[in-house]
Amino acid sequence: MNIYISNLSYGINDADLRELFAGYGEIISAKVILDRDTGRSRGFGFVELTDEELGQKAIDELNGAEYDGKVINVNVAKPRVDKPAGGNRGGGNRGGGFNRERRGGYNSERRY
């Protein structure tokens, strides 16, 4: 079971997550997500456990609990959806290029 943990203190690391979930079965992985540019925690992470039942117990017991001075949110992780390259910037030509047929504005009589 893959578990998503949010609202983590920025001082939490992978080993801290492993320790937090140690009582809930075998941990496959524990990862705090870091900012690419700064290398600092983004305040959330994932823990993957082998046992679904113990994973649900961890969610039930840790969701809303205080950890390192912050109230954390613990839920089942949703599958990652890959986004198309380029993000949500749209596409196509939105004008601005040179067009001999549509000259205008300042000094529009100028010949090219």
PDB file of N, CA and C in Angstrom:
ATOM      1  N   MET A   1       0.851  -1.183   0.000  1.00  0.00           N
ATOM      2  CA  MET A   1       0.000   0.000   0.000  1.00  0.00           C
ATOM      3  C   MET A   1       0.888   1.235   0.000  1.00  0.00           C
ATOM      4  N   ASN A   2       0.552   2.177  -0.884  1.00  0.00           N
ATOM      5  CA  ASN A   2       1.308   3.423  -0.973  1.00  0.00           C
ATOM      6  C   ASN A   2       0.543   4.506  -0.215  1.00  0.00           C
ATOM      7  N   ILE A   3       1.223   5.191   0.691  1.00  0.00           N
ATOM      8  CA  ILE A   3       0.596   6.177   1.581  1.00  0.00           C
ATOM      9  C   ILE A   3       1.208   7.545   1.332  1.00  0.00           C
ATOM     10  N   TYR A   4       0.346   8.551   1.265  1.00  0.00           N
ATOM     11  CA  TYR A   4       0.754   9.946   1.061  1.00  0.00           C
ATOM     12  C   TYR A   4       0.664  10.677   2.394  1.00  0.00           C
ATOM     13  N   ILE A   5       1.728  11.381   2.762  1.00  0.00           N
ATOM     14  CA  ILE A   5       1.765  12.134   4.018  1.00  0.00           C
ATOM     15  C   ILE A   5       2.053  13.593   3.674  1.00  0.00           C
ATOM     16  N   SER A   6       1.162  14.497   4.118  1.00  0.00           N
ATOM     17  CA  SER A   6       1.369  15.914   3.839  1.00  0.00           C
ATOM     18  C   SER A   6       1.406  16.718   5.124  1.00  0.00           C
ATOM     19  N   ASN A   7       1.772  17.977   4.977  1.00  0.00           N
ATOM     20  CA  ASN A   7       1.929  18.919   6.087  1.00  0.00           C
ATOM     21  C   ASN A   7       3.062  18.502   7.028  1.00  0.00           C
ATOM     22  N   LEU A   8       4.113  17.932   6.422  1.00  0.00           N
ATOM     23  CA  LEU A   8       5.279  17.544   7.207  1.00  0.00           C
ATOM     24  C   LEU A   8       6.135  18.764   7.524  1.00  0.00           C
ATOM     25  N   SER A   9       6.763  18.737   8.660  1.00  0.00           N
ATOM     26  CA  SER A   9       7.741  19.760   9.026  1.00  0.00           C
ATOM     27  C   SER A   9       8.890  19.685   8.020  1.00  0.00           C
ATOM     28  N   TYR A  10       9.468  20.830   7.668  1.00  0.00           N
ATOM     29  CA  TYR A  10      10.540  20.844   6.678  1.00  0.00           C
ATOM     30  C   TYR A  10      11.813  20.152   7.154  1.00  0.00           C
ATOM     31  N   GLY A  11      11.916  19.866   8.438  1.00  0.00           N
ATOM     32  CA  GLY A  11      13.092  19.175   8.963  1.00  0.00           C
ATOM     33  C   GLY A  11      13.006  17.659   8.880  1.00  0.00           C
ATOM     34  N   ILE A  12      11.868  17.119   8.458  1.00  0.00           N
ATOM     35  CA  ILE A  12      11.676  15.666   8.388  1.00  0.00           C
ATOM     36  C   ILE A  12      12.412  15.111   7.170  1.00  0.00           C
ATOM     37  N   ASN A  13      13.056  13.939   7.355  1.00  0.00           N
ATOM     38  CA  ASN A  13      13.744  13.286   6.240  1.00  0.00           C
ATOM     39  C   ASN A  13      13.231  11.860   6.067  1.00  0.00           C
ATOM     40  N   ASP A  14      13.798  11.135   5.121  1.00  0.00           N
ATOM     41  CA  ASP A  14      13.358   9.766   4.820  1.00  0.00           C
ATOM     42  C   ASP A  14      13.442   8.854   6.050  1.00  0.00           C
ATOM     43  N   ALA A  15      14.525   8.961   6.802  1.00  0.00           N
ATOM     44  CA  ALA A  15      14.710   8.112   7.991  1.00  0.00           C
ATOM     45  C   ALA A  15      13.631   8.397   9.036  1.00  0.00           C
ATOM     46  N   ASP A  16      13.232   9.667   9.163  1.00  0.00           N
ATOM     47  CA  ASP A  16      12.168  10.018  10.108  1.00  0.00           C
ATOM     48  C   ASP A  16      10.847   9.363   9.712  1.00  0.00           C
ATOM     49  N   LEU A  17      10.546   9.358   8.410  1.00  0.00           N
ATOM     50  CA  LEU A  17       9.314   8.703   7.942  1.00  0.00           C
ATOM     51  C   LEU A  17       9.356   7.206   8.221  1.00  0.00           C
ATOM     52  N   ARG A  18      10.510   6.604   7.975  1.00  0.00           N
ATOM     53  CA  ARG A  18      10.657   5.166   8.271  1.00  0.00           C
ATOM     54  C   ARG A  18      10.385   4.885   9.750  1.00  0.00           C
ATOM     55  N   GLU A  19      10.932   5.744  10.603  1.00  0.00           N
ATOM     56  CA  GLU A  19      10.741   5.578  12.040  1.00  0.00           C
ATOM     57  C   GLU A  19       9.266   5.743  12.428  1.00  0.00           C
ATOM     58  N   LEU A  20       8.601   6.738  11.828  1.00  0.00           N
ATOM     59  CA  LEU A  20       7.196   6.995  12.132  1.00  0.00           C
ATOM     60  C   LEU A  20       6.316   5.803  11.772  1.00  0.00           C
ATOM     61  N   PHE A  21       6.622   5.134  10.661  1.00  0.00           N
ATOM     62  CA  PHE A  21       5.790   4.028  10.175  1.00  0.00           C
ATOM     63  C   PHE A  21       6.324   2.655  10.562  1.00  0.00           C
ATOM     64  N   ALA A  22       7.384   2.593  11.345  1.00  0.00           N
ATOM     65  CA  ALA A  22       8.021   1.323  11.696  1.00  0.00           C
ATOM     66  C   ALA A  22       7.084   0.340  12.385  1.00  0.00           C
ATOM     67  N   GLY A  23       6.148   0.835  13.143  1.00  0.00           N
ATOM     68  CA  GLY A  23       5.237  -0.055  13.863  1.00  0.00           C
ATOM     69  C   GLY A  23       4.077  -0.573  13.032  1.00  0.00           C
ATOM     70  N   TYR A  24       4.078  -0.281  11.738  1.00  0.00           N
ATOM     71  CA  TYR A  24       2.955  -0.661  10.882  1.00  0.00           C
ATOM     72  C   TYR A  24       3.344  -1.640   9.790  1.00  0.00           C
ATOM     73  N   GLY A  25       4.297  -2.471  10.060  1.00  0.00           N
ATOM     74  CA  GLY A  25       4.668  -3.505   9.102  1.00  0.00           C
ATOM     75  C   GLY A  25       5.935  -3.178   8.341  1.00  0.00           C
ATOM     76  N   GLU A  26       6.219  -4.059   7.382  1.00  0.00           N
ATOM     77  CA  GLU A  26       7.441  -3.921   6.584  1.00  0.00           C
ATOM     78  C   GLU A  26       7.326  -2.747   5.620  1.00  0.00           C
ATOM     79  N   ILE A  27       8.340  -1.892   5.657  1.00  0.00           N
ATOM     80  CA  ILE A  27       8.368  -0.702   4.814  1.00  0.00           C
ATOM     81  C   ILE A  27       9.184  -1.014   3.561  1.00  0.00           C
ATOM     82  N   ILE A  28       8.560  -0.826   2.408  1.00  0.00           N
ATOM     83  CA  ILE A  28       9.256  -1.019   1.138  1.00  0.00           C
ATOM     84  C   ILE A  28      10.087   0.221   0.826  1.00  0.00           C
ATOM     85  N   SER A  29       9.475   1.398   1.012  1.00  0.00           N
ATOM     86  CA  SER A  29      10.189   2.647   0.767  1.00  0.00           C
ATOM     87  C   SER A  29       9.574   3.772   1.586  1.00  0.00           C
ATOM     88  N   ALA A  30      10.381   4.770   1.885  1.00  0.00           N
ATOM     89  CA  ALA A  30       9.933   5.978   2.584  1.00  0.00           C
ATOM     90  C   ALA A  30      10.700   7.139   1.972  1.00  0.00           C
ATOM     91  N   LYS A  31       9.964   8.118   1.437  1.00  0.00           N
ATOM     92  CA  LYS A  31      10.628   9.200   0.704  1.00  0.00           C
ATOM     93  C   LYS A  31       9.954  10.537   0.962  1.00  0.00           C
ATOM     94  N   VAL A  32      10.737  11.497   1.458  1.00  0.00           N
ATOM     95  CA  VAL A  32      10.292  12.884   1.571  1.00  0.00           C
ATOM     96  C   VAL A  32      10.633  13.539   0.235  1.00  0.00           C
ATOM     97  N   ILE A  33       9.687  14.233  -0.349  1.00  0.00           N
ATOM     98  CA  ILE A  33       9.892  14.859  -1.650  1.00  0.00           C
ATOM     99  C   ILE A  33      10.617  16.192  -1.462  1.00  0.00           C
ATOM    100  N   LEU A  34      11.689  16.364  -2.226  1.00  0.00           N
ATOM    101  CA  LEU A  34      12.522  17.550  -2.121  1.00  0.00           C
ATOM    102  C   LEU A  34      12.321  18.469  -3.323  1.00  0.00           C
ATOM    103  N   ASP A  35      12.484  19.756  -3.088  1.00  0.00           N
ATOM    104  CA  ASP A  35      12.430  20.739  -4.158  1.00  0.00           C
ATOM    105  C   ASP A  35      13.673  20.577  -5.026  1.00  0.00           C
ATOM    106  N   ARG A  36      13.481  20.529  -6.318  1.00  0.00           N
ATOM    107  CA  ARG A  36      14.584  20.329  -7.251  1.00  0.00           C
ATOM    108  C   ARG A  36      15.643  21.422  -7.181  1.00  0.00           C
ATOM    109  N   ASP A  37      15.181  22.647  -7.034  1.00  0.00           N
ATOM    110  CA  ASP A  37      16.104  23.778  -7.071  1.00  0.00           C
ATOM    111  C   ASP A  37      16.848  23.996  -5.754  1.00  0.00           C
ATOM    112  N   THR A  38      16.135  23.877  -4.640  1.00  0.00           N
ATOM    113  CA  THR A  38      16.737  24.204  -3.348  1.00  0.00           C
ATOM    114  C   THR A  38      17.227  22.982  -2.577  1.00  0.00           C
ATOM    115  N   GLY A  39      16.696  21.795  -2.899  1.00  0.00           N
ATOM    116  CA  GLY A  39      17.053  20.589  -2.158  1.00  0.00           C
ATOM    117  C   GLY A  39      16.346  20.492  -0.818  1.00  0.00           C
ATOM    118  N   ARG A  40      15.462  21.446  -0.539  1.00  0.00           N
ATOM    119  CA  ARG A  40      14.716  21.478   0.720  1.00  0.00           C
ATOM    120  C   ARG A  40      13.413  20.682   0.590  1.00  0.00           C
ATOM    121  N   SER A  41      12.947  20.146   1.698  1.00  0.00           N
ATOM    122  CA  SER A  41      11.699  19.393   1.714  1.00  0.00           C
ATOM    123  C   SER A  41      10.546  20.239   1.190  1.00  0.00           C
ATOM    124  N   ARG A  42       9.626  19.599   0.466  1.00  0.00           N
ATOM    125  CA  ARG A  42       8.426  20.289  -0.005  1.00  0.00           C
ATOM    126  C   ARG A  42       7.264  20.093   0.969  1.00  0.00           C
ATOM    127  N   GLY A  43       7.509  19.375   2.077  1.00  0.00           N
ATOM    128  CA  GLY A  43       6.488  19.235   3.112  1.00  0.00           C
ATOM    129  C   GLY A  43       5.551  18.048   2.924  1.00  0.00           C
ATOM    130  N   PHE A  44       5.918  17.139   2.013  1.00  0.00           N
ATOM    131  CA  PHE A  44       5.121  15.927   1.859  1.00  0.00           C
ATOM    132  C   PHE A  44       6.016  14.768   1.454  1.00  0.00           C
ATOM    133  N   GLY A  45       5.470  13.563   1.580  1.00  0.00           N
ATOM    134  CA  GLY A  45       6.246  12.385   1.232  1.00  0.00           C
ATOM    135  C   GLY A  45       5.359  11.168   1.049  1.00  0.00           C
ATOM    136  N   PHE A  46       5.996  10.043   0.769  1.00  0.00           N
ATOM    137  CA  PHE A  46       5.293   8.788   0.526  1.00  0.00           C
ATOM    138  C   PHE A  46       5.960   7.665   1.296  1.00  0.00           C
ATOM    139  N   VAL A  47       5.142   6.750   1.788  1.00  0.00           N
ATOM    140  CA  VAL A  47       5.639   5.535   2.424  1.00  0.00           C
ATOM    141  C   VAL A  47       4.898   4.374   1.780  1.00  0.00           C
ATOM    142  N   GLU A  48       5.646   3.346   1.398  1.00  0.00           N
ATOM    143  CA  GLU A  48       5.027   2.165   0.822  1.00  0.00           C
ATOM    144  C   GLU A  48       5.216   0.995   1.787  1.00  0.00           C
ATOM    145  N   LEU A  49       4.096   0.390   2.173  1.00  0.00           N
ATOM    146  CA  LEU A  49       4.091  -0.753   3.085  1.00  0.00           C
ATOM    147  C   LEU A  49       3.668  -2.009   2.339  1.00  0.00           C
ATOM    148  N   THR A  50       4.120  -3.167   2.819  1.00  0.00           N
ATOM    149  CA  THR A  50       3.774  -4.430   2.159  1.00  0.00           C
ATOM    150  C   THR A  50       2.361  -4.889   2.486  1.00  0.00           C
ATOM    151  N   ASP A  51       1.862  -4.553   3.654  1.00  0.00           N
ATOM    152  CA  ASP A  51       0.573  -5.069   4.136  1.00  0.00           C
ATOM    153  C   ASP A  51      -0.527  -3.999   4.050  1.00  0.00           C
ATOM    154  N   GLU A  52      -1.580  -4.287   3.269  1.00  0.00           N
ATOM    155  CA  GLU A  52      -2.703  -3.344   3.097  1.00  0.00           C
ATOM    156  C   GLU A  52      -3.413  -3.053   4.423  1.00  0.00           C
ATOM    157  N   GLU A  53      -3.643  -4.097   5.190  1.00  0.00           N
ATOM    158  CA  GLU A  53      -4.385  -3.943   6.449  1.00  0.00           C
ATOM    159  C   GLU A  53      -3.616  -3.068   7.441  1.00  0.00           C
ATOM    160  N   LEU A  54      -2.312  -3.312   7.561  1.00  0.00           N
ATOM    161  CA  LEU A  54      -1.496  -2.493   8.455  1.00  0.00           C
ATOM    162  C   LEU A  54      -1.344  -1.075   7.901  1.00  0.00           C
ATOM    163  N   GLY A  55      -1.325  -0.947   6.585  1.00  0.00           N
ATOM    164  CA  GLY A  55      -1.276   0.370   5.964  1.00  0.00           C
ATOM    165  C   GLY A  55      -2.516   1.180   6.301  1.00  0.00           C
ATOM    166  N   GLN A  56      -3.683   0.538   6.246  1.00  0.00           N
ATOM    167  CA  GLN A  56      -4.925   1.228   6.592  1.00  0.00           C
ATOM    168  C   GLN A  56      -4.941   1.602   8.068  1.00  0.00           C
ATOM    169  N   LYS A  57      -4.378   0.730   8.905  1.00  0.00           N
ATOM    170  CA  LYS A  57      -4.287   1.024  10.338  1.00  0.00           C
ATOM    171  C   LYS A  57      -3.402   2.259  10.560  1.00  0.00           C
ATOM    172  N   ALA A  58      -2.299   2.357   9.817  1.00  0.00           N
ATOM    173  CA  ALA A  58      -1.405   3.512   9.923  1.00  0.00           C
ATOM    174  C   ALA A  58      -2.148   4.787   9.533  1.00  0.00           C
ATOM    175  N   ILE A  59      -2.914   4.721   8.451  1.00  0.00           N
ATOM    176  CA  ILE A  59      -3.686   5.882   8.008  1.00  0.00           C
ATOM    177  C   ILE A  59      -4.678   6.300   9.084  1.00  0.00           C
ATOM    178  N   ASP A  60      -5.419   5.330   9.595  1.00  0.00           N
ATOM    179  CA  ASP A  60      -6.441   5.612  10.612  1.00  0.00           C
ATOM    180  C   ASP A  60      -5.829   6.234  11.875  1.00  0.00           C
ATOM    181  N   GLU A  61      -4.673   5.747  12.273  1.00  0.00           N
ATOM    182  CA  GLU A  61      -4.068   6.213  13.522  1.00  0.00           C
ATOM    183  C   GLU A  61      -3.233   7.488  13.371  1.00  0.00           C
ATOM    184  N   LEU A  62      -2.627   7.687  12.218  1.00  0.00           N
ATOM    185  CA  LEU A  62      -1.721   8.823  12.063  1.00  0.00           C
ATOM    186  C   LEU A  62      -2.358  10.045  11.404  1.00  0.00           C
ATOM    187  N   ASN A  63      -3.440   9.871  10.674  1.00  0.00           N
ATOM    188  CA  ASN A  63      -4.090  11.015  10.042  1.00  0.00           C
ATOM    189  C   ASN A  63      -4.621  11.960  11.122  1.00  0.00           C
ATOM    190  N   GLY A  64      -4.180  13.208  11.082  1.00  0.00           N
ATOM    191  CA  GLY A  64      -4.590  14.189  12.079  1.00  0.00           C
ATOM    192  C   GLY A  64      -3.737  14.199  13.334  1.00  0.00           C
ATOM    193  N   ALA A  65      -2.719  13.335  13.368  1.00  0.00           N
ATOM    194  CA  ALA A  65      -1.831  13.284  14.535  1.00  0.00           C
ATOM    195  C   ALA A  65      -0.799  14.403  14.441  1.00  0.00           C
ATOM    196  N   GLU A  66      -0.271  14.805  15.596  1.00  0.00           N
ATOM    197  CA  GLU A  66       0.793  15.803  15.612  1.00  0.00           C
ATOM    198  C   GLU A  66       2.131  15.091  15.497  1.00  0.00           C
ATOM    199  N   TYR A  67       2.954  15.577  14.572  1.00  0.00           N
ATOM    200  CA  TYR A  67       4.283  15.004  14.380  1.00  0.00           C
ATOM    201  C   TYR A  67       5.262  16.145  14.146  1.00  0.00           C
ATOM    202  N   ASP A  68       6.257  16.237  14.969  1.00  0.00           N
ATOM    203  CA  ASP A  68       7.284  17.276  14.903  1.00  0.00           C
ATOM    204  C   ASP A  68       6.660  18.677  14.887  1.00  0.00           C
ATOM    205  N   GLY A  69       5.646  18.849  15.720  1.00  0.00           N
ATOM    206  CA  GLY A  69       5.028  20.164  15.885  1.00  0.00           C
ATOM    207  C   GLY A  69       3.960  20.526  14.863  1.00  0.00           C
ATOM    208  N   LYS A  70       3.648  19.621  13.939  1.00  0.00           N
ATOM    209  CA  LYS A  70       2.628  19.901  12.927  1.00  0.00           C
ATOM    210  C   LYS A  70       1.611  18.775  12.881  1.00  0.00           C
ATOM    211  N   VAL A  71       0.363  19.115  12.565  1.00  0.00           N
ATOM    212  CA  VAL A  71      -0.682  18.105  12.403  1.00  0.00           C
ATOM    213  C   VAL A  71      -0.583  17.579  10.966  1.00  0.00           C
ATOM    214  N   ILE A  72      -0.265  16.292  10.835  1.00  0.00           N
ATOM    215  CA  ILE A  72      -0.043  15.708   9.512  1.00  0.00           C
ATOM    216  C   ILE A  72      -1.322  15.114   8.936  1.00  0.00           C
ATOM    217  N   ASN A  73      -1.361  15.033   7.618  1.00  0.00           N
ATOM    218  CA  ASN A  73      -2.447  14.386   6.893  1.00  0.00           C
ATOM    219  C   ASN A  73      -1.892  13.110   6.284  1.00  0.00           C
ATOM    220  N   VAL A  74      -2.585  12.000   6.500  1.00  0.00           N
ATOM    221  CA  VAL A  74      -2.116  10.708   6.014  1.00  0.00           C
ATOM    222  C   VAL A  74      -3.263  10.049   5.266  1.00  0.00           C
ATOM    223  N   ASN A  75      -3.029   9.733   3.984  1.00  0.00           N
ATOM    224  CA  ASN A  75      -4.068   9.148   3.130  1.00  0.00           C
ATOM    225  C   ASN A  75      -3.464   8.124   2.181  1.00  0.00           C
ATOM    226  N   VAL A  76      -4.340   7.365   1.539  1.00  0.00           N
ATOM    227  CA  VAL A  76      -3.900   6.463   0.482  1.00  0.00           C
ATOM    228  C   VAL A  76      -3.420   7.340  -0.672  1.00  0.00           C
ATOM    229  N   ALA A  77      -2.254   7.025  -1.206  1.00  0.00           N
ATOM    230  CA  ALA A  77      -1.705   7.802  -2.322  1.00  0.00           C
ATOM    231  C   ALA A  77      -2.466   7.470  -3.591  1.00  0.00           C
ATOM    232  N   LYS A  78      -2.796   8.505  -4.344  1.00  0.00           N
ATOM    233  CA  LYS A  78      -3.454   8.313  -5.636  1.00  0.00           C
ATOM    234  C   LYS A  78      -2.383   8.028  -6.673  1.00  0.00           C
ATOM    235  N   PRO A  79      -2.699   7.209  -7.661  1.00  0.00           N
ATOM    236  CA  PRO A  79      -1.702   6.918  -8.701  1.00  0.00           C
ATOM    237  C   PRO A  79      -1.270   8.190  -9.410  1.00  0.00           C
ATOM    238  N   ARG A  80      -0.011   8.254  -9.743  1.00  0.00           N
ATOM    239  CA  ARG A  80       0.531   9.426 -10.426  1.00  0.00           C
ATOM    240  C   ARG A  80       0.020   9.455 -11.861  1.00  0.00           C
ATOM    241  N   VAL A  81      -0.395  10.628 -12.287  1.00  0.00           N
ATOM    242  CA  VAL A  81      -0.854  10.812 -13.650  1.00  0.00           C
ATOM    243  C   VAL A  81       0.203  11.629 -14.370  1.00  0.00           C
ATOM    244  N   ASP A  82       0.781  11.042 -15.413  1.00  0.00           N
ATOM    245  CA  ASP A  82       1.807  11.762 -16.167  1.00  0.00           C
ATOM    246  C   ASP A  82       1.149  12.847 -16.999  1.00  0.00           C
ATOM    247  N   LYS A  83       1.700  14.049 -16.903  1.00  0.00           N
ATOM    248  CA  LYS A  83       1.189  15.184 -17.656  1.00  0.00           C
ATOM    249  C   LYS A  83       1.988  15.307 -18.946  1.00  0.00           C
ATOM    250  N   PRO A  84       1.371  15.818 -20.002  1.00  0.00           N
ATOM    251  CA  PRO A  84       2.121  16.009 -21.238  1.00  0.00           C
ATOM    252  C   PRO A  84       3.260  17.007 -21.033  1.00  0.00           C
ATOM    253  N   ALA A  85       4.319  16.835 -21.779  1.00  0.00           N
ATOM    254  CA  ALA A  85       5.476  17.735 -21.670  1.00  0.00           C
ATOM    255  C   ALA A  85       5.042  19.163 -21.927  1.00  0.00           C
ATOM    256  N   GLY A  86       5.620  20.087 -21.206  1.00  0.00           N
ATOM    257  CA  GLY A  86       5.307  21.497 -21.399  1.00  0.00           C
ATOM    258  C   GLY A  86       4.251  22.008 -20.452  1.00  0.00           C
ATOM    259  N   GLY A  87       3.680  21.153 -19.665  1.00  0.00           N
ATOM    260  CA  GLY A  87       2.684  21.602 -18.687  1.00  0.00           C
ATOM    261  C   GLY A  87       1.417  22.113 -19.327  1.00  0.00           C
ATOM    262  N   ASN A  88       0.804  23.071 -18.686  1.00  0.00           N
ATOM    263  CA  ASN A  88      -0.486  23.575 -19.141  1.00  0.00           C
ATOM    264  C   ASN A  88      -0.310  24.962 -19.767  1.00  0.00           C
ATOM    265  N   ARG A  89       0.585  25.059 -20.693  1.00  0.00           N
ATOM    266  CA  ARG A  89       0.879  26.353 -21.291  1.00  0.00           C
ATOM    267  C   ARG A  89       0.151  26.575 -22.606  1.00  0.00           C
ATOM    268  N   GLY A  90      -0.601  25.608 -23.042  1.00  0.00           N
ATOM    269  CA  GLY A  90      -1.293  25.755 -24.319  1.00  0.00           C
ATOM    270  C   GLY A  90      -0.335  25.497 -25.459  1.00  0.00           C
ATOM    271  N   GLY A  91      -0.781  25.781 -26.638  1.00  0.00           N
ATOM    272  CA  GLY A  91       0.077  25.538 -27.791  1.00  0.00           C
ATOM    273  C   GLY A  91      -0.383  26.380 -28.956  1.00  0.00           C
ATOM    274  N   GLY A  92       0.212  26.128 -30.066  1.00  0.00           N
ATOM    275  CA  GLY A  92      -0.173  26.857 -31.267  1.00  0.00           C
ATOM    276  C   GLY A  92       0.452  28.234 -31.309  1.00  0.00           C
ATOM    277  N   ASN A  93       0.265  28.881 -32.462  1.00  0.00           N
ATOM    278  CA  ASN A  93       0.808  30.214 -32.656  1.00  0.00           C
ATOM    279  C   ASN A  93      -0.240  31.239 -32.265  1.00  0.00           C
ATOM    280  N   ARG A  94       0.087  32.093 -31.359  1.00  0.00           N
ATOM    281  CA  ARG A  94      -0.857  33.114 -30.891  1.00  0.00           C
ATOM    282  C   ARG A  94      -0.501  34.487 -31.452  1.00  0.00           C
ATOM    283  N   GLY A  95       0.110  34.497 -32.593  1.00  0.00           N
ATOM    284  CA  GLY A  95       0.427  35.774 -33.223  1.00  0.00           C
ATOM    285  C   GLY A  95       1.793  36.276 -32.836  1.00  0.00           C
ATOM    286  N   GLY A  96       2.080  37.479 -33.285  1.00  0.00           N
ATOM    287  CA  GLY A  96       3.334  38.102 -32.927  1.00  0.00           C
ATOM    288  C   GLY A  96       4.422  37.926 -33.957  1.00  0.00           C
ATOM    289  N   GLY A  97       4.211  37.029 -34.930  1.00  0.00           N
ATOM    290  CA  GLY A  97       5.219  36.828 -35.953  1.00  0.00           C
ATOM    291  C   GLY A  97       5.082  37.839 -37.082  1.00  0.00           C
ATOM    292  N   PHE A  98       6.014  37.829 -38.006  1.00  0.00           N
ATOM    293  CA  PHE A  98       5.979  38.739 -39.142  1.00  0.00           C
ATOM    294  C   PHE A  98       4.956  38.237 -40.152  1.00  0.00           C
ATOM    295  N   ASN A  99       4.117  39.149 -40.607  1.00  0.00           N
ATOM    296  CA  ASN A  99       3.112  38.799 -41.604  1.00  0.00           C
ATOM    297  C   ASN A  99       3.024  39.949 -42.602  1.00  0.00           C
ATOM    298  N   ARG A 100       3.435  39.720 -43.840  1.00  0.00           N
ATOM    299  CA  ARG A 100       3.449  40.775 -44.854  1.00  0.00           C
ATOM    300  C   ARG A 100       2.051  41.304 -45.152  1.00  0.00           C
ATOM    301  N   GLU A 101       1.055  40.474 -45.019  1.00  0.00           N
ATOM    302  CA  GLU A 101      -0.307  40.880 -45.362  1.00  0.00           C
ATOM    303  C   GLU A 101      -0.952  41.745 -44.288  1.00  0.00           C
ATOM    304  N   ARG A 102      -0.502  41.656 -43.053  1.00  0.00           N
ATOM    305  CA  ARG A 102      -1.143  42.391 -41.956  1.00  0.00           C
ATOM    306  C   ARG A 102      -0.169  43.335 -41.291  1.00  0.00           C
ATOM    307  N   ARG A 103       0.351  44.259 -42.048  1.00  0.00           N
ATOM    308  CA  ARG A 103       1.205  45.264 -41.440  1.00  0.00           C
ATOM    309  C   ARG A 103       0.336  46.354 -40.866  1.00  0.00           C
ATOM    310  N   GLY A 104       0.808  47.014 -39.858  1.00  0.00           N
ATOM    311  CA  GLY A 104       0.053  48.117 -39.304  1.00  0.00           C
ATOM    312  C   GLY A 104       0.796  48.754 -38.162  1.00  0.00           C
ATOM    313  N   GLY A 105       0.219  49.823 -37.641  1.00  0.00           N
ATOM    314  CA  GLY A 105       0.830  50.484 -36.511  1.00  0.00           C
ATOM    315  C   GLY A 105       1.837  51.518 -36.957  1.00  0.00           C
ATOM    316  N   TYR A 106       2.754  51.823 -36.097  1.00  0.00           N
ATOM    317  CA  TYR A 106       3.751  52.860 -36.334  1.00  0.00           C
ATOM    318  C   TYR A 106       4.556  52.569 -37.602  1.00  0.00           C
ATOM    319  N   ASN A 107       4.645  53.556 -38.444  1.00  0.00           N
ATOM    320  CA  ASN A 107       5.431  53.475 -39.674  1.00  0.00           C
ATOM    321  C   ASN A 107       4.955  52.322 -40.560  1.00  0.00           C
ATOM    322  N   SER A 108       3.629  52.164 -40.690  1.00  0.00           N
ATOM    323  CA  SER A 108       3.074  51.037 -41.411  1.00  0.00           C
ATOM    324  C   SER A 108       3.265  51.133 -42.922  1.00  0.00           C
ATOM    325  N   GLU A 109       3.633  52.272 -43.423  1.00  0.00           N
ATOM    326  CA  GLU A 109       3.839  52.434 -44.852  1.00  0.00           C
ATOM    327  C   GLU A 109       5.222  51.934 -45.288  1.00  0.00           C
ATOM    328  N   ARG A 110       6.031  51.602 -44.348  1.00  0.00           N
ATOM    329  CA  ARG A 110       7.378  51.165 -44.649  1.00  0.00           C
ATOM    330  C   ARG A 110       7.341  49.878 -45.468  1.00  0.00           C
ATOM    331  N   ARG A 111       8.149  49.765 -46.476  1.00  0.00           N
ATOM    332  CA  ARG A 111       8.210  48.577 -47.342  1.00  0.00           C
ATOM    333  C   ARG A 111       9.280  47.604 -46.835  1.00  0.00           C
ATOM    334  N   TYR A 112       8.995  46.369 -46.873  1.00  0.00           N
ATOM    335  CA  TYR A 112       9.926  45.343 -46.392  1.00  0.00           C
ATOM    336  C   TYR A 112      10.635  44.692 -47.511  1.00  0.00           C
TER     337      TYR A 112
END
